[in-house]
Each structure stands twice: as C-alpha cells, then as structure tokens.
Protein backbone atom coordinates (compact mmCIF):
# COMPACT_ATOMS: atom_id res chain seq x y z
CA MET A 1 92.60 73.40 98.33
CA ALA A 2 90.59 76.60 98.76
CA TYR A 3 89.34 78.35 95.65
CA GLU A 4 88.15 81.95 95.54
CA LEU A 5 86.28 83.17 92.48
CA ASN A 6 87.11 86.81 93.18
CA ALA A 7 90.79 86.42 94.00
CA GLY A 8 93.18 88.64 92.11
CA ARG A 9 90.77 91.44 91.21
CA THR A 10 92.32 94.88 90.91
CA ALA A 11 91.03 98.45 90.88
CA ALA A 12 90.94 98.18 87.08
CA ASP A 13 88.19 95.56 87.49
CA HIS A 14 86.00 98.06 89.36
CA ARG A 15 83.58 100.25 87.42
CA LEU A 16 80.49 102.33 88.23
CA GLU A 17 77.94 103.32 85.63
CA LEU A 18 75.05 105.56 86.74
CA LEU A 19 72.31 106.29 84.22
CA GLY A 20 70.28 109.24 85.43
CA ARG A 21 69.54 108.54 89.07
CA GLU A 22 67.56 105.40 88.34
CA HIS A 23 70.00 102.68 87.18
CA LEU A 24 73.40 101.82 88.64
CA THR A 25 75.75 99.08 87.44
CA VAL A 26 78.75 98.17 89.60
CA SER A 27 81.51 95.76 88.60
CA GLY A 28 84.17 94.37 90.91
CA VAL A 29 81.57 93.38 93.53
CA GLU A 30 82.79 90.66 95.88
CA ASP A 31 79.86 90.45 98.33
CA VAL A 32 76.61 92.18 99.29
CA GLU A 33 76.81 92.72 103.04
CA ARG A 34 73.28 94.06 103.56
CA PHE A 35 70.45 95.66 101.64
CA ASP A 36 66.95 97.06 101.95
CA GLU A 37 64.89 99.54 99.93
CA ASN A 38 66.90 102.51 101.29
CA CYS A 39 70.49 101.23 101.47
CA ILE A 40 72.76 98.67 99.80
CA VAL A 41 76.18 97.93 101.31
CA MET A 42 78.60 95.90 99.21
CA ALA A 43 82.23 94.85 99.37
CA THR A 44 84.11 95.64 96.17
CA CYS A 45 87.68 95.02 95.11
CA VAL A 46 88.52 98.63 96.12
CA GLY A 47 86.61 98.81 99.41
CA THR A 48 83.12 99.04 100.86
CA LEU A 49 80.56 100.84 98.69
CA VAL A 50 77.30 102.21 100.13
CA VAL A 51 74.39 103.14 97.86
CA THR A 52 71.50 105.06 99.44
CA GLY A 53 68.16 106.10 98.00
CA GLU A 54 64.51 105.13 97.82
CA ASP A 55 62.82 102.03 96.41
CA LEU A 56 66.20 100.39 95.70
CA HIS A 57 66.03 96.96 94.11
CA ILE A 58 68.83 94.61 93.12
CA GLY A 59 67.91 93.67 89.58
CA LYS A 60 70.87 91.39 88.89
CA LEU A 61 73.61 90.04 91.10
CA SER A 62 76.42 87.91 89.73
CA LEU A 63 79.19 87.31 92.25
CA ASP A 64 80.92 84.99 89.78
CA GLY A 65 81.19 87.90 87.34
CA GLY A 66 81.36 90.52 90.09
CA GLU A 67 78.48 92.58 88.71
CA LEU A 68 75.48 94.17 90.42
CA HIS A 69 72.56 96.13 88.92
CA VAL A 70 70.53 98.49 91.11
CA ASP A 71 67.24 100.14 90.12
CA GLY A 72 65.39 102.84 92.08
CA HIS A 73 65.91 106.49 93.04
CA ILE A 74 69.62 106.77 93.90
CA ASP A 75 70.55 109.61 96.27
CA ALA A 76 74.21 108.84 97.01
CA VAL A 77 77.07 106.49 96.20
CA ASN A 78 79.82 106.55 98.85
CA TYR A 79 82.96 104.60 99.63
CA GLU A 80 83.59 103.93 103.32
CA GLU A 81 87.05 104.67 104.60
CA GLN A 82 89.09 101.65 105.59
CA ALA A 83 90.07 101.50 109.25
CA VAL A 84 93.80 102.04 109.61
CA ARG A 85 95.50 99.85 112.17
CA HIS A 86 98.48 101.42 113.86
CA SER A 87 101.19 99.10 115.05
CA GLY A 88 102.99 101.57 117.30
CA LEU A 89 103.93 100.96 120.90
CA LEU A 90 100.93 102.86 122.38
CA SER A 91 98.40 101.04 120.23
CA ARG A 92 99.91 97.70 121.23
CA LEU A 93 99.73 98.66 124.90
CA PHE A 94 96.24 100.21 124.87
CA GLY A 95 94.63 98.80 121.72
C-alpha cells in the first residue's frame, strides 16, 4: 500500500509570509525541485513556485510538515502557469 505524506493538501494549506525582503516562509511545500543561491523552484499544493534573488539559503525544510524557510535577498516570488492539455481532435492528431 502506497502512502503519501502530502496527499490531500488544499489551497488553504498554502501560505506565504515575507518579512522585508530577507526572510520567506512557505507552507504547503511538497517538493524542492532545484535550488542554488539565485533561484529556488518548489512544488506546492497550488502549483510550482519560483523564488529568485541573491544569496538564497534554505534555512529549514520539512516536507513532512510542508514548510520551507528561505533567507537571503529576495527579488521575486512567482507561480508558474500550469500547462493546459487540450484533448481536441487536432491535438490528438498532431500532439
């Protein structure tokens, strides 16, 4: 039997708290896809979140609790758009 710790999370479980431009806390985190000192890409319960800046450090990561703390100079916090799959006749023929 497969067991997922993050199963059943909703948008209500997702929260962002930015203090100044130096400390970011994100809840509802399901996975960290990649990170370096300029960019952190994470999967959340509401989609992919990209944090960009300088000297970014992950201070705390708890996937069991779904929480991530980021320290550094934060320039931007963006959600990536989800790719929409069309199931029409043309996309089935050419996609």
